[in-house]
């Protein structure tokens, strides 16, 4: 299997994603946003960064990139699709996930490790991880506050928590509804995550907890 890692003008985490996938033994290719055929790939990752400079709104211009027609097609056909940080924002702007990402509650850029708890194992990102497990991942965003008009209709798969797994507003770094750190569509094949699992792939980085998430994502293509 080969994972397509989509590169938009302003993307800056594509190499991190490719490296992380390589560490777990997965093949990947960087795909420019003007690509119109992703039929040769088994999964797609939209990496973090500042697609098109985040002009207008985060992800608002990227949603019109030619590649998003293919990403939408693959999503509808059940292929695993993962959006990380800016990629999460693009998925919301494209209508592949409900809701939106707005400015953090305290109007500050957050750049630090956070704890998240696996709330649901029904998504491609979490199917291989036990429910209730606490993971440490780096969070790097200014517009990471997830809002949705009908939160019960959204599958929250990771939630911000304390080191012991406790969920509360004091452990919610950006104000996201329901302490949502990652959400999935009803089918579970499209997931958006605000923290960066690809930056927690080896212990030298401070945590290797992101590895189990990427392994689950890649493993989902074999199960499908």
N, C-alpha and C. Protein backbone atom coordinates (compact mmCIF):
# COMPACT_ATOMS: atom_id res chain seq x y z
N UNK A 1 0.84 -1.19 0.00
CA UNK A 1 0.00 0.00 0.00
C UNK A 1 0.88 1.24 0.00
N UNK A 2 0.39 2.30 -0.61
CA UNK A 2 1.09 3.57 -0.64
C UNK A 2 0.13 4.68 -0.21
N UNK A 3 0.58 5.50 0.70
CA UNK A 3 -0.23 6.60 1.22
C UNK A 3 0.12 7.87 0.48
N UNK A 4 -0.88 8.59 -0.01
CA UNK A 4 -0.67 9.88 -0.64
C UNK A 4 -0.64 10.96 0.44
N UNK A 5 0.44 11.72 0.50
CA UNK A 5 0.56 12.84 1.43
C UNK A 5 0.44 14.12 0.59
N UNK A 6 -0.69 14.78 0.71
CA UNK A 6 -0.99 15.92 -0.16
C UNK A 6 -0.23 17.16 0.28
N UNK A 7 0.37 17.84 -0.67
CA UNK A 7 1.13 19.06 -0.39
C UNK A 7 0.42 20.26 -1.02
N UNK A 8 0.03 21.21 -0.19
CA UNK A 8 -0.53 22.47 -0.66
C UNK A 8 0.53 23.56 -0.54
N UNK A 9 0.40 24.66 -1.26
CA UNK A 9 1.30 25.79 -1.03
C UNK A 9 1.17 26.24 0.43
N UNK A 10 2.24 26.20 1.19
CA UNK A 10 2.19 26.56 2.60
C UNK A 10 2.19 25.38 3.54
N UNK A 11 2.00 24.16 3.02
CA UNK A 11 2.12 22.97 3.87
C UNK A 11 3.55 22.87 4.39
N UNK A 12 3.72 22.50 5.66
CA UNK A 12 5.08 22.39 6.19
C UNK A 12 5.33 21.13 7.02
N UNK A 13 4.37 20.21 7.04
CA UNK A 13 4.55 18.99 7.83
C UNK A 13 4.57 17.73 6.97
N UNK A 14 4.64 17.91 5.65
CA UNK A 14 4.57 16.74 4.77
C UNK A 14 5.74 15.79 4.95
N UNK A 15 6.93 16.34 5.18
CA UNK A 15 8.10 15.49 5.37
C UNK A 15 8.02 14.76 6.70
N UNK A 16 7.48 15.41 7.72
CA UNK A 16 7.30 14.75 9.01
C UNK A 16 6.36 13.55 8.88
N UNK A 17 5.26 13.74 8.13
CA UNK A 17 4.30 12.66 7.93
C UNK A 17 4.96 11.51 7.16
N UNK A 18 5.66 11.85 6.07
CA UNK A 18 6.32 10.82 5.28
C UNK A 18 7.35 10.05 6.11
N UNK A 19 8.09 10.77 6.95
CA UNK A 19 9.08 10.11 7.81
C UNK A 19 8.37 9.19 8.80
N UNK A 20 7.32 9.69 9.44
CA UNK A 20 6.60 8.88 10.42
C UNK A 20 6.01 7.62 9.80
N UNK A 21 5.47 7.75 8.61
CA UNK A 21 4.93 6.56 7.92
C UNK A 21 6.06 5.59 7.59
N UNK A 22 7.21 6.13 7.21
CA UNK A 22 8.34 5.26 6.91
C UNK A 22 8.84 4.50 8.12
N UNK A 23 8.81 5.15 9.30
CA UNK A 23 9.25 4.50 10.53
C UNK A 23 8.42 3.26 10.82
N UNK A 24 7.12 3.31 10.50
CA UNK A 24 6.27 2.16 10.78
C UNK A 24 6.18 1.21 9.58
N UNK A 25 7.01 1.48 8.57
CA UNK A 25 7.10 0.55 7.44
C UNK A 25 6.12 0.78 6.32
N UNK A 26 5.50 1.96 6.27
CA UNK A 26 4.54 2.26 5.22
C UNK A 26 5.17 3.11 4.12
N UNK A 27 4.81 2.83 2.90
CA UNK A 27 5.27 3.63 1.77
C UNK A 27 4.37 4.85 1.60
N UNK A 28 4.96 5.96 1.21
CA UNK A 28 4.18 7.17 0.97
C UNK A 28 4.80 7.96 -0.17
N UNK A 29 4.00 8.82 -0.77
CA UNK A 29 4.47 9.71 -1.82
C UNK A 29 3.86 11.09 -1.59
N UNK A 30 4.66 12.12 -1.81
CA UNK A 30 4.16 13.48 -1.73
C UNK A 30 3.42 13.79 -3.02
N UNK A 31 2.22 14.31 -2.89
CA UNK A 31 1.35 14.57 -4.04
C UNK A 31 0.98 16.05 -4.06
N UNK A 32 1.29 16.74 -5.13
CA UNK A 32 0.99 18.16 -5.27
C UNK A 32 -0.52 18.38 -5.36
N UNK A 33 -0.98 19.51 -4.85
CA UNK A 33 -2.42 19.76 -4.70
C UNK A 33 -3.15 19.87 -6.03
N UNK A 34 -2.43 19.98 -7.14
CA UNK A 34 -3.07 20.05 -8.45
C UNK A 34 -3.30 18.68 -9.08
N UNK A 35 -2.90 17.63 -8.38
CA UNK A 35 -3.10 16.26 -8.88
C UNK A 35 -4.60 15.97 -8.99
N UNK A 36 -4.98 15.27 -10.05
CA UNK A 36 -6.40 14.96 -10.26
C UNK A 36 -6.70 13.47 -10.26
N UNK A 37 -5.71 12.65 -9.96
CA UNK A 37 -5.93 11.20 -9.96
C UNK A 37 -5.16 10.57 -8.80
N UNK A 38 -5.90 10.05 -7.83
CA UNK A 38 -5.29 9.38 -6.69
C UNK A 38 -5.63 7.88 -6.69
N UNK A 39 -5.96 7.37 -7.85
CA UNK A 39 -6.42 5.98 -7.92
C UNK A 39 -5.35 4.97 -7.56
N UNK A 40 -4.08 5.38 -7.56
CA UNK A 40 -3.02 4.45 -7.23
C UNK A 40 -2.65 4.39 -5.77
N UNK A 41 -3.43 5.05 -4.91
CA UNK A 41 -3.10 5.13 -3.49
C UNK A 41 -4.16 4.42 -2.64
N UNK A 42 -3.71 3.94 -1.48
CA UNK A 42 -4.59 3.20 -0.58
C UNK A 42 -5.17 4.06 0.53
N UNK A 43 -4.58 5.24 0.76
CA UNK A 43 -5.03 6.13 1.82
C UNK A 43 -4.46 7.52 1.53
N UNK A 44 -5.02 8.52 2.21
CA UNK A 44 -4.60 9.91 1.98
C UNK A 44 -4.41 10.61 3.32
N UNK A 45 -3.32 11.39 3.41
CA UNK A 45 -3.09 12.24 4.58
C UNK A 45 -2.99 13.68 4.11
N UNK A 46 -3.74 14.56 4.75
CA UNK A 46 -3.61 16.00 4.54
C UNK A 46 -2.81 16.52 5.74
N UNK A 47 -1.56 16.92 5.53
CA UNK A 47 -0.68 17.28 6.65
C UNK A 47 -0.92 18.70 7.15
N UNK A 48 -0.21 19.04 8.21
CA UNK A 48 -0.34 20.36 8.81
C UNK A 48 0.46 21.42 8.08
N UNK A 49 0.25 22.66 8.49
CA UNK A 49 0.93 23.80 7.88
C UNK A 49 0.00 24.98 7.76
N UNK A 50 0.16 25.73 6.70
CA UNK A 50 -0.64 26.93 6.47
C UNK A 50 -1.02 26.97 4.99
N UNK A 51 -1.88 26.05 4.58
CA UNK A 51 -2.25 25.93 3.17
C UNK A 51 -2.72 27.27 2.61
N UNK A 52 -2.06 27.69 1.53
CA UNK A 52 -2.38 28.97 0.88
C UNK A 52 -2.29 30.13 1.87
N UNK A 53 -1.40 30.01 2.85
CA UNK A 53 -1.19 31.09 3.80
C UNK A 53 -2.33 31.30 4.78
N UNK A 54 -3.29 30.37 4.80
CA UNK A 54 -4.47 30.51 5.68
C UNK A 54 -5.24 31.80 5.40
N UNK A 55 -5.16 32.28 4.16
CA UNK A 55 -5.94 33.47 3.80
C UNK A 55 -7.43 33.16 3.82
N UNK A 56 -8.22 34.15 4.04
CA UNK A 56 -9.68 34.06 4.20
C UNK A 56 -9.99 33.33 5.51
N UNK A 57 -9.87 32.01 5.49
CA UNK A 57 -9.99 31.16 6.68
C UNK A 57 -9.05 29.99 6.48
N UNK A 58 -8.70 29.34 7.56
CA UNK A 58 -7.84 28.16 7.43
C UNK A 58 -8.55 27.09 6.59
N UNK A 59 -7.91 26.68 5.53
CA UNK A 59 -8.47 25.64 4.67
C UNK A 59 -9.47 26.12 3.64
N UNK A 60 -9.84 27.40 3.68
CA UNK A 60 -10.91 27.90 2.82
C UNK A 60 -10.52 27.89 1.35
N UNK A 61 -9.25 28.12 1.04
CA UNK A 61 -8.81 28.08 -0.36
C UNK A 61 -8.42 26.67 -0.75
N UNK A 62 -7.80 25.95 0.15
CA UNK A 62 -7.36 24.58 -0.15
C UNK A 62 -8.52 23.68 -0.56
N UNK A 63 -9.69 23.93 -0.05
CA UNK A 63 -10.84 23.09 -0.38
C UNK A 63 -11.14 23.08 -1.88
N UNK A 64 -10.70 24.14 -2.58
CA UNK A 64 -10.95 24.23 -4.02
C UNK A 64 -9.82 23.66 -4.86
N UNK A 65 -8.77 23.15 -4.24
CA UNK A 65 -7.67 22.54 -4.99
C UNK A 65 -8.18 21.32 -5.76
N UNK A 66 -7.68 21.10 -6.98
CA UNK A 66 -8.14 19.96 -7.78
C UNK A 66 -8.08 18.62 -7.05
N UNK A 67 -7.06 18.43 -6.22
CA UNK A 67 -6.90 17.14 -5.55
C UNK A 67 -8.06 16.83 -4.62
N UNK A 68 -8.75 17.85 -4.13
CA UNK A 68 -9.83 17.62 -3.17
C UNK A 68 -11.02 16.90 -3.80
N UNK A 69 -11.17 17.00 -5.11
CA UNK A 69 -12.22 16.21 -5.78
C UNK A 69 -11.93 14.72 -5.62
N UNK A 70 -10.66 14.37 -5.77
CA UNK A 70 -10.26 12.98 -5.61
C UNK A 70 -10.32 12.55 -4.15
N UNK A 71 -9.91 13.42 -3.24
CA UNK A 71 -9.99 13.09 -1.82
C UNK A 71 -11.44 12.83 -1.43
N UNK A 72 -12.34 13.65 -1.94
CA UNK A 72 -13.77 13.47 -1.66
C UNK A 72 -14.27 12.16 -2.22
N UNK A 73 -13.86 11.84 -3.44
CA UNK A 73 -14.28 10.56 -4.05
C UNK A 73 -13.81 9.38 -3.22
N UNK A 74 -12.54 9.40 -2.84
CA UNK A 74 -12.00 8.29 -2.06
C UNK A 74 -12.68 8.19 -0.70
N UNK A 75 -12.97 9.33 -0.10
CA UNK A 75 -13.66 9.32 1.19
C UNK A 75 -15.03 8.65 1.07
N UNK A 76 -15.73 8.98 0.02
CA UNK A 76 -17.06 8.41 -0.19
C UNK A 76 -16.99 6.92 -0.48
N UNK A 77 -15.87 6.48 -1.05
CA UNK A 77 -15.70 5.05 -1.34
C UNK A 77 -15.15 4.27 -0.16
N UNK A 78 -14.90 4.96 0.94
CA UNK A 78 -14.48 4.27 2.16
C UNK A 78 -13.00 4.20 2.41
N UNK A 79 -12.20 4.87 1.60
CA UNK A 79 -10.75 4.87 1.80
C UNK A 79 -10.40 5.64 3.08
N UNK A 80 -9.33 5.26 3.76
CA UNK A 80 -8.91 6.01 4.96
C UNK A 80 -8.37 7.40 4.58
N UNK A 81 -8.92 8.42 5.21
CA UNK A 81 -8.50 9.80 4.98
C UNK A 81 -8.19 10.41 6.34
N UNK A 82 -6.99 11.00 6.46
CA UNK A 82 -6.59 11.61 7.73
C UNK A 82 -6.15 13.06 7.49
N UNK A 83 -6.73 13.97 8.25
CA UNK A 83 -6.32 15.37 8.21
C UNK A 83 -5.70 15.74 9.55
N UNK A 84 -4.46 16.24 9.52
CA UNK A 84 -3.74 16.60 10.75
C UNK A 84 -3.62 18.12 10.83
N UNK A 85 -4.12 18.71 11.91
CA UNK A 85 -4.02 20.15 12.15
C UNK A 85 -4.63 20.93 10.99
N UNK A 86 -3.83 21.55 10.14
CA UNK A 86 -4.36 22.27 8.98
C UNK A 86 -5.16 21.33 8.08
N UNK A 87 -4.75 20.07 8.01
CA UNK A 87 -5.50 19.09 7.24
C UNK A 87 -6.88 18.85 7.82
N UNK A 88 -7.01 18.89 9.13
CA UNK A 88 -8.30 18.79 9.83
C UNK A 88 -9.17 19.96 9.40
N UNK A 89 -8.60 21.15 9.38
CA UNK A 89 -9.34 22.34 8.98
C UNK A 89 -9.83 22.24 7.54
N UNK A 90 -8.99 21.68 6.67
CA UNK A 90 -9.37 21.51 5.27
C UNK A 90 -10.52 20.52 5.14
N UNK A 91 -10.49 19.44 5.90
CA UNK A 91 -11.58 18.45 5.86
C UNK A 91 -12.90 19.08 6.27
N UNK A 92 -12.86 19.94 7.27
CA UNK A 92 -14.09 20.62 7.70
C UNK A 92 -14.58 21.60 6.64
N UNK A 93 -13.65 22.37 6.06
CA UNK A 93 -14.02 23.33 5.02
C UNK A 93 -14.59 22.61 3.80
N UNK A 94 -14.12 21.40 3.54
CA UNK A 94 -14.56 20.63 2.37
C UNK A 94 -15.86 19.89 2.62
N UNK A 95 -16.36 19.92 3.84
CA UNK A 95 -17.59 19.22 4.16
C UNK A 95 -17.41 17.73 4.38
N UNK A 96 -16.16 17.27 4.44
CA UNK A 96 -15.93 15.84 4.70
C UNK A 96 -16.05 15.52 6.18
N UNK A 97 -15.95 16.53 7.02
CA UNK A 97 -16.23 16.41 8.44
C UNK A 97 -17.14 17.56 8.85
N UNK A 98 -18.04 17.33 9.79
CA UNK A 98 -18.91 18.42 10.24
C UNK A 98 -18.15 19.38 11.14
N UNK A 99 -18.70 20.58 11.31
CA UNK A 99 -18.11 21.53 12.24
C UNK A 99 -17.03 22.39 11.62
N UNK A 100 -16.33 23.12 12.49
CA UNK A 100 -15.28 24.05 12.05
C UNK A 100 -14.25 24.20 13.14
N UNK A 101 -13.09 24.73 12.76
CA UNK A 101 -12.03 25.04 13.72
C UNK A 101 -11.89 26.56 13.79
N UNK A 102 -12.03 27.12 15.00
CA UNK A 102 -11.93 28.55 15.19
C UNK A 102 -10.77 28.87 16.13
N UNK A 103 -10.57 30.16 16.39
CA UNK A 103 -9.46 30.57 17.24
C UNK A 103 -9.54 29.94 18.63
N UNK A 104 -8.38 29.62 19.17
CA UNK A 104 -8.32 29.04 20.50
C UNK A 104 -9.00 29.93 21.53
N UNK A 105 -9.55 29.31 22.53
CA UNK A 105 -10.33 30.02 23.56
C UNK A 105 -9.59 31.21 24.13
N UNK A 106 -8.30 31.08 24.40
CA UNK A 106 -7.52 32.16 25.01
C UNK A 106 -6.82 33.06 23.98
N UNK A 107 -7.13 32.84 22.69
CA UNK A 107 -6.57 33.66 21.60
C UNK A 107 -5.04 33.64 21.62
N UNK A 108 -4.49 32.46 21.91
CA UNK A 108 -3.04 32.28 21.92
C UNK A 108 -2.67 31.05 21.10
N UNK A 109 -1.52 31.16 20.44
CA UNK A 109 -0.98 30.00 19.73
C UNK A 109 -0.48 29.00 20.77
N UNK A 110 -0.88 27.75 20.63
CA UNK A 110 -0.48 26.70 21.57
C UNK A 110 0.62 25.86 20.93
N UNK A 111 1.73 25.70 21.64
CA UNK A 111 2.83 24.87 21.15
C UNK A 111 3.41 24.11 22.33
N UNK A 112 2.83 22.96 22.64
CA UNK A 112 3.29 22.17 23.77
C UNK A 112 2.68 20.77 23.70
N UNK A 113 3.25 19.83 24.42
CA UNK A 113 2.64 18.49 24.47
C UNK A 113 1.34 18.52 25.27
N UNK A 114 0.38 17.72 24.84
CA UNK A 114 -0.88 17.58 25.56
C UNK A 114 -1.20 16.10 25.68
N UNK A 115 -2.07 15.77 26.63
CA UNK A 115 -2.54 14.39 26.76
C UNK A 115 -3.91 14.27 26.09
N UNK A 116 -4.10 13.15 25.42
CA UNK A 116 -5.41 12.84 24.84
C UNK A 116 -5.76 11.41 25.23
N UNK A 117 -7.05 11.16 25.35
CA UNK A 117 -7.52 9.83 25.70
C UNK A 117 -8.31 9.24 24.55
N UNK A 118 -8.10 7.96 24.29
CA UNK A 118 -8.86 7.29 23.24
C UNK A 118 -10.28 7.07 23.72
N UNK A 119 -11.19 7.77 23.09
CA UNK A 119 -12.59 7.69 23.51
C UNK A 119 -13.37 6.66 22.69
N UNK A 120 -13.00 6.51 21.44
CA UNK A 120 -13.70 5.57 20.56
C UNK A 120 -12.69 4.84 19.68
N UNK A 121 -12.94 3.57 19.43
CA UNK A 121 -12.06 2.77 18.56
C UNK A 121 -12.75 2.45 17.24
N UNK A 122 -13.75 3.23 16.88
CA UNK A 122 -14.52 2.95 15.67
C UNK A 122 -13.96 3.65 14.43
N UNK A 123 -12.85 4.36 14.57
CA UNK A 123 -12.28 5.08 13.43
C UNK A 123 -11.00 4.42 12.95
N UNK A 124 -10.59 4.76 11.73
CA UNK A 124 -9.36 4.20 11.18
C UNK A 124 -8.13 4.64 11.97
N UNK A 125 -8.24 5.76 12.67
CA UNK A 125 -7.09 6.25 13.44
C UNK A 125 -6.94 5.56 14.78
N UNK A 126 -8.03 5.05 15.33
CA UNK A 126 -8.00 4.52 16.69
C UNK A 126 -8.40 3.05 16.79
N UNK A 127 -8.72 2.42 15.68
CA UNK A 127 -9.20 1.03 15.73
C UNK A 127 -8.18 0.08 16.34
N UNK A 128 -6.90 0.42 16.23
CA UNK A 128 -5.87 -0.47 16.75
C UNK A 128 -5.36 -0.09 18.13
N UNK A 129 -6.05 0.83 18.80
CA UNK A 129 -5.62 1.31 20.11
C UNK A 129 -6.73 1.04 21.12
N UNK A 130 -6.36 0.59 22.30
CA UNK A 130 -7.38 0.27 23.30
C UNK A 130 -8.07 1.52 23.81
N UNK A 131 -9.37 1.43 24.00
CA UNK A 131 -10.16 2.54 24.53
C UNK A 131 -9.66 2.90 25.93
N UNK A 132 -9.60 4.19 26.20
CA UNK A 132 -9.16 4.68 27.50
C UNK A 132 -7.67 4.94 27.60
N UNK A 133 -6.91 4.52 26.61
CA UNK A 133 -5.47 4.75 26.66
C UNK A 133 -5.15 6.24 26.55
N UNK A 134 -4.22 6.71 27.35
CA UNK A 134 -3.80 8.11 27.33
C UNK A 134 -2.51 8.23 26.53
N UNK A 135 -2.51 9.16 25.58
CA UNK A 135 -1.37 9.39 24.70
C UNK A 135 -0.88 10.83 24.87
N UNK A 136 0.42 11.02 24.72
CA UNK A 136 1.00 12.36 24.75
C UNK A 136 1.41 12.75 23.34
N UNK A 137 0.85 13.87 22.86
CA UNK A 137 1.10 14.33 21.50
C UNK A 137 1.36 15.83 21.52
N UNK A 138 2.17 16.36 20.59
CA UNK A 138 2.39 17.79 20.52
C UNK A 138 1.23 18.51 19.83
N UNK A 139 0.85 19.64 20.39
CA UNK A 139 -0.20 20.47 19.83
C UNK A 139 0.42 21.78 19.36
N UNK A 140 0.18 22.16 18.11
CA UNK A 140 0.77 23.37 17.54
C UNK A 140 -0.27 24.08 16.69
N UNK A 141 -1.07 24.95 17.28
CA UNK A 141 -2.12 25.59 16.50
C UNK A 141 -2.67 26.84 17.18
N UNK A 142 -3.22 27.71 16.36
CA UNK A 142 -3.91 28.91 16.86
C UNK A 142 -5.41 28.79 16.65
N UNK A 143 -5.80 28.09 15.59
CA UNK A 143 -7.22 27.88 15.32
C UNK A 143 -7.53 26.39 15.44
N UNK A 144 -7.47 25.91 16.68
CA UNK A 144 -7.69 24.49 16.93
C UNK A 144 -8.91 24.22 17.78
N UNK A 145 -9.74 25.23 17.97
CA UNK A 145 -10.94 25.15 18.81
C UNK A 145 -12.08 24.58 17.97
N UNK A 146 -12.38 23.30 18.19
CA UNK A 146 -13.40 22.63 17.37
C UNK A 146 -14.80 22.95 17.86
N UNK A 147 -15.65 23.37 16.92
CA UNK A 147 -17.05 23.65 17.22
C UNK A 147 -17.93 22.92 16.22
N UNK A 148 -19.10 22.51 16.67
CA UNK A 148 -20.06 21.85 15.79
C UNK A 148 -21.45 22.18 16.28
N UNK A 149 -22.39 22.35 15.36
CA UNK A 149 -23.74 22.73 15.75
C UNK A 149 -24.47 21.59 16.46
N UNK A 150 -24.06 20.38 16.14
CA UNK A 150 -24.71 19.21 16.75
C UNK A 150 -23.64 18.21 17.14
N UNK A 151 -22.99 18.44 18.27
CA UNK A 151 -21.87 17.59 18.68
C UNK A 151 -22.24 16.12 18.82
N UNK A 152 -23.46 15.77 19.31
CA UNK A 152 -23.78 14.34 19.42
C UNK A 152 -23.72 13.59 18.09
N UNK A 153 -23.83 14.32 16.97
CA UNK A 153 -23.79 13.65 15.66
C UNK A 153 -22.35 13.40 15.20
N UNK A 154 -21.37 13.91 15.94
CA UNK A 154 -19.96 13.77 15.60
C UNK A 154 -19.35 12.66 16.45
N UNK A 155 -18.53 11.82 15.84
CA UNK A 155 -17.84 10.76 16.58
C UNK A 155 -16.51 11.31 17.10
N UNK A 156 -16.47 11.63 18.39
CA UNK A 156 -15.23 12.09 19.01
C UNK A 156 -14.38 10.85 19.31
N UNK A 157 -13.22 10.75 18.69
CA UNK A 157 -12.40 9.55 18.86
C UNK A 157 -11.23 9.77 19.82
N UNK A 158 -10.78 11.01 19.95
CA UNK A 158 -9.76 11.37 20.94
C UNK A 158 -10.22 12.62 21.67
N UNK A 159 -10.03 12.64 22.98
CA UNK A 159 -10.43 13.81 23.76
C UNK A 159 -9.28 14.27 24.63
N UNK A 160 -9.15 15.59 24.77
CA UNK A 160 -8.11 16.14 25.63
C UNK A 160 -8.37 15.72 27.07
N UNK A 161 -7.30 15.44 27.80
CA UNK A 161 -7.44 14.96 29.17
C UNK A 161 -6.20 15.31 29.97
N UNK A 162 -6.22 14.96 31.25
CA UNK A 162 -5.05 15.09 32.09
C UNK A 162 -4.20 13.84 32.02
N UNK A 163 -3.06 13.82 32.68
CA UNK A 163 -2.17 12.65 32.64
C UNK A 163 -2.82 11.36 33.10
N UNK A 164 -3.83 11.48 33.96
CA UNK A 164 -4.50 10.29 34.47
C UNK A 164 -5.75 9.93 33.68
N UNK A 165 -6.01 10.67 32.59
CA UNK A 165 -7.17 10.39 31.77
C UNK A 165 -8.40 11.19 32.11
N UNK A 166 -8.31 12.04 33.12
CA UNK A 166 -9.46 12.85 33.53
C UNK A 166 -9.76 13.90 32.47
N UNK A 167 -11.03 14.02 32.08
CA UNK A 167 -11.45 15.05 31.13
C UNK A 167 -12.20 16.14 31.88
N UNK A 168 -11.77 17.37 31.67
CA UNK A 168 -12.42 18.54 32.27
C UNK A 168 -11.96 19.76 31.52
N UNK A 169 -12.61 20.88 31.75
CA UNK A 169 -12.25 22.10 31.04
C UNK A 169 -10.82 22.55 31.35
N UNK A 170 -10.32 22.24 32.52
CA UNK A 170 -8.95 22.66 32.84
C UNK A 170 -7.92 21.86 32.07
N UNK A 171 -8.33 20.73 31.50
CA UNK A 171 -7.44 19.93 30.67
C UNK A 171 -7.73 20.12 29.17
N UNK A 172 -8.63 21.05 28.87
CA UNK A 172 -9.02 21.34 27.49
C UNK A 172 -8.22 22.56 27.03
N UNK A 173 -7.16 22.39 26.24
CA UNK A 173 -6.24 23.49 25.97
C UNK A 173 -6.78 24.61 25.10
N UNK A 174 -7.73 24.29 24.21
CA UNK A 174 -8.16 25.29 23.25
C UNK A 174 -9.65 25.61 23.27
N UNK A 175 -10.41 24.95 24.15
CA UNK A 175 -11.84 25.22 24.26
C UNK A 175 -12.72 24.38 23.37
N UNK A 176 -12.16 23.37 22.71
CA UNK A 176 -12.94 22.54 21.79
C UNK A 176 -14.16 21.93 22.48
N UNK A 177 -15.29 21.93 21.77
CA UNK A 177 -16.51 21.33 22.30
C UNK A 177 -16.27 19.87 22.64
N UNK A 178 -16.73 19.47 23.81
CA UNK A 178 -16.57 18.08 24.21
C UNK A 178 -15.13 17.65 24.38
N UNK A 179 -14.22 18.63 24.55
CA UNK A 179 -12.78 18.35 24.66
C UNK A 179 -12.25 17.56 23.46
N UNK A 180 -12.86 17.81 22.30
CA UNK A 180 -12.54 17.04 21.10
C UNK A 180 -11.13 17.32 20.58
N UNK A 181 -10.30 16.29 20.53
CA UNK A 181 -8.97 16.40 19.94
C UNK A 181 -8.93 15.78 18.55
N UNK A 182 -9.82 14.82 18.29
CA UNK A 182 -9.93 14.19 16.98
C UNK A 182 -11.36 13.72 16.80
N UNK A 183 -11.90 13.92 15.60
CA UNK A 183 -13.27 13.50 15.31
C UNK A 183 -13.29 12.73 14.00
N UNK A 184 -14.32 11.90 13.85
CA UNK A 184 -14.46 11.08 12.64
C UNK A 184 -15.86 11.22 12.07
N UNK A 185 -15.99 10.89 10.79
CA UNK A 185 -17.32 10.84 10.19
C UNK A 185 -18.04 9.60 10.70
N UNK A 186 -19.30 9.46 10.35
CA UNK A 186 -20.10 8.35 10.87
C UNK A 186 -19.57 6.99 10.42
N UNK A 187 -18.91 6.96 9.29
CA UNK A 187 -18.35 5.71 8.77
C UNK A 187 -17.03 5.36 9.42
N UNK A 188 -16.36 6.37 9.96
CA UNK A 188 -15.09 6.14 10.65
C UNK A 188 -13.87 6.16 9.77
N UNK A 189 -14.04 6.38 8.46
CA UNK A 189 -12.88 6.34 7.56
C UNK A 189 -12.26 7.72 7.33
N UNK A 190 -12.93 8.78 7.72
CA UNK A 190 -12.39 10.14 7.60
C UNK A 190 -12.20 10.69 9.01
N UNK A 191 -10.97 11.06 9.33
CA UNK A 191 -10.65 11.53 10.68
C UNK A 191 -9.84 12.82 10.61
N UNK A 192 -10.20 13.76 11.46
CA UNK A 192 -9.42 14.97 11.62
C UNK A 192 -8.87 15.02 13.04
N UNK A 193 -7.58 15.32 13.17
CA UNK A 193 -6.94 15.39 14.48
C UNK A 193 -6.15 16.69 14.57
N UNK A 194 -6.28 17.39 15.69
CA UNK A 194 -5.55 18.65 15.85
C UNK A 194 -4.12 18.44 16.34
N UNK A 195 -3.84 17.64 17.36
CA UNK A 195 -2.43 17.35 17.72
C UNK A 195 -1.73 16.57 16.60
N UNK A 196 -0.40 16.53 16.67
CA UNK A 196 0.40 15.94 15.60
C UNK A 196 0.96 14.57 15.98
N UNK A 197 0.34 13.48 15.54
CA UNK A 197 0.90 12.15 15.84
C UNK A 197 2.24 11.91 15.16
N UNK A 198 2.45 12.53 13.99
CA UNK A 198 3.71 12.31 13.25
C UNK A 198 4.90 12.97 13.93
N UNK A 199 4.65 13.86 14.88
CA UNK A 199 5.73 14.49 15.64
C UNK A 199 5.95 13.79 16.97
N UNK A 200 5.30 12.67 17.15
CA UNK A 200 5.49 11.85 18.35
C UNK A 200 5.68 10.41 17.90
N UNK A 201 6.69 10.22 17.07
CA UNK A 201 6.91 8.92 16.45
C UNK A 201 8.09 8.18 17.05
N UNK A 202 8.97 8.91 17.77
CA UNK A 202 10.15 8.31 18.39
C UNK A 202 10.38 8.95 19.75
N UNK A 203 10.91 8.19 20.70
CA UNK A 203 11.09 8.71 22.06
C UNK A 203 12.03 9.91 22.11
N UNK A 204 12.95 10.01 21.15
CA UNK A 204 13.87 11.15 21.14
C UNK A 204 13.11 12.46 20.94
N UNK A 205 11.90 12.38 20.40
CA UNK A 205 11.07 13.56 20.21
C UNK A 205 10.27 13.91 21.45
N UNK A 206 10.38 13.10 22.49
CA UNK A 206 9.64 13.34 23.72
C UNK A 206 8.50 12.38 23.94
N UNK A 207 8.02 11.77 22.88
CA UNK A 207 6.95 10.78 22.97
C UNK A 207 6.92 9.98 21.67
N UNK A 208 6.62 8.70 21.79
CA UNK A 208 6.42 7.85 20.62
C UNK A 208 4.97 7.39 20.54
N UNK A 209 4.08 8.10 21.25
CA UNK A 209 2.68 7.68 21.32
C UNK A 209 1.94 7.84 19.99
N UNK A 210 2.43 8.73 19.13
CA UNK A 210 1.76 8.91 17.85
C UNK A 210 1.89 7.70 16.94
N UNK A 211 2.85 6.88 17.26
CA UNK A 211 3.12 5.71 16.42
C UNK A 211 1.91 4.78 16.36
N UNK A 212 1.25 4.54 17.49
CA UNK A 212 0.12 3.60 17.50
C UNK A 212 -1.04 4.12 16.66
N UNK A 213 -1.17 5.44 16.58
CA UNK A 213 -2.23 6.02 15.76
C UNK A 213 -1.94 5.85 14.28
N UNK A 214 -0.70 6.12 13.88
CA UNK A 214 -0.34 5.94 12.48
C UNK A 214 -0.38 4.47 12.09
N UNK A 215 0.00 3.58 13.01
CA UNK A 215 -0.08 2.15 12.73
C UNK A 215 -1.52 1.72 12.53
N UNK A 216 -2.42 2.26 13.34
CA UNK A 216 -3.83 1.95 13.18
C UNK A 216 -4.35 2.44 11.84
N UNK A 217 -3.96 3.67 11.48
CA UNK A 217 -4.40 4.25 10.20
C UNK A 217 -3.92 3.41 9.03
N UNK A 218 -2.65 3.06 9.03
CA UNK A 218 -2.11 2.26 7.94
C UNK A 218 -2.71 0.85 7.96
N UNK A 219 -2.89 0.30 9.15
CA UNK A 219 -3.47 -1.04 9.26
C UNK A 219 -4.90 -1.12 8.77
N UNK A 220 -5.60 0.01 8.78
CA UNK A 220 -7.00 0.00 8.36
C UNK A 220 -7.13 -0.31 6.87
N UNK A 221 -6.11 0.02 6.09
CA UNK A 221 -6.18 -0.29 4.66
C UNK A 221 -6.10 -1.80 4.43
N UNK A 222 -5.36 -2.51 5.29
CA UNK A 222 -5.26 -3.95 5.17
C UNK A 222 -6.58 -4.60 5.57
N UNK A 223 -7.23 -4.04 6.62
CA UNK A 223 -8.50 -4.60 7.07
C UNK A 223 -9.59 -4.39 6.03
N UNK A 224 -9.54 -3.19 5.37
CA UNK A 224 -10.55 -2.92 4.36
C UNK A 224 -10.31 -3.80 3.13
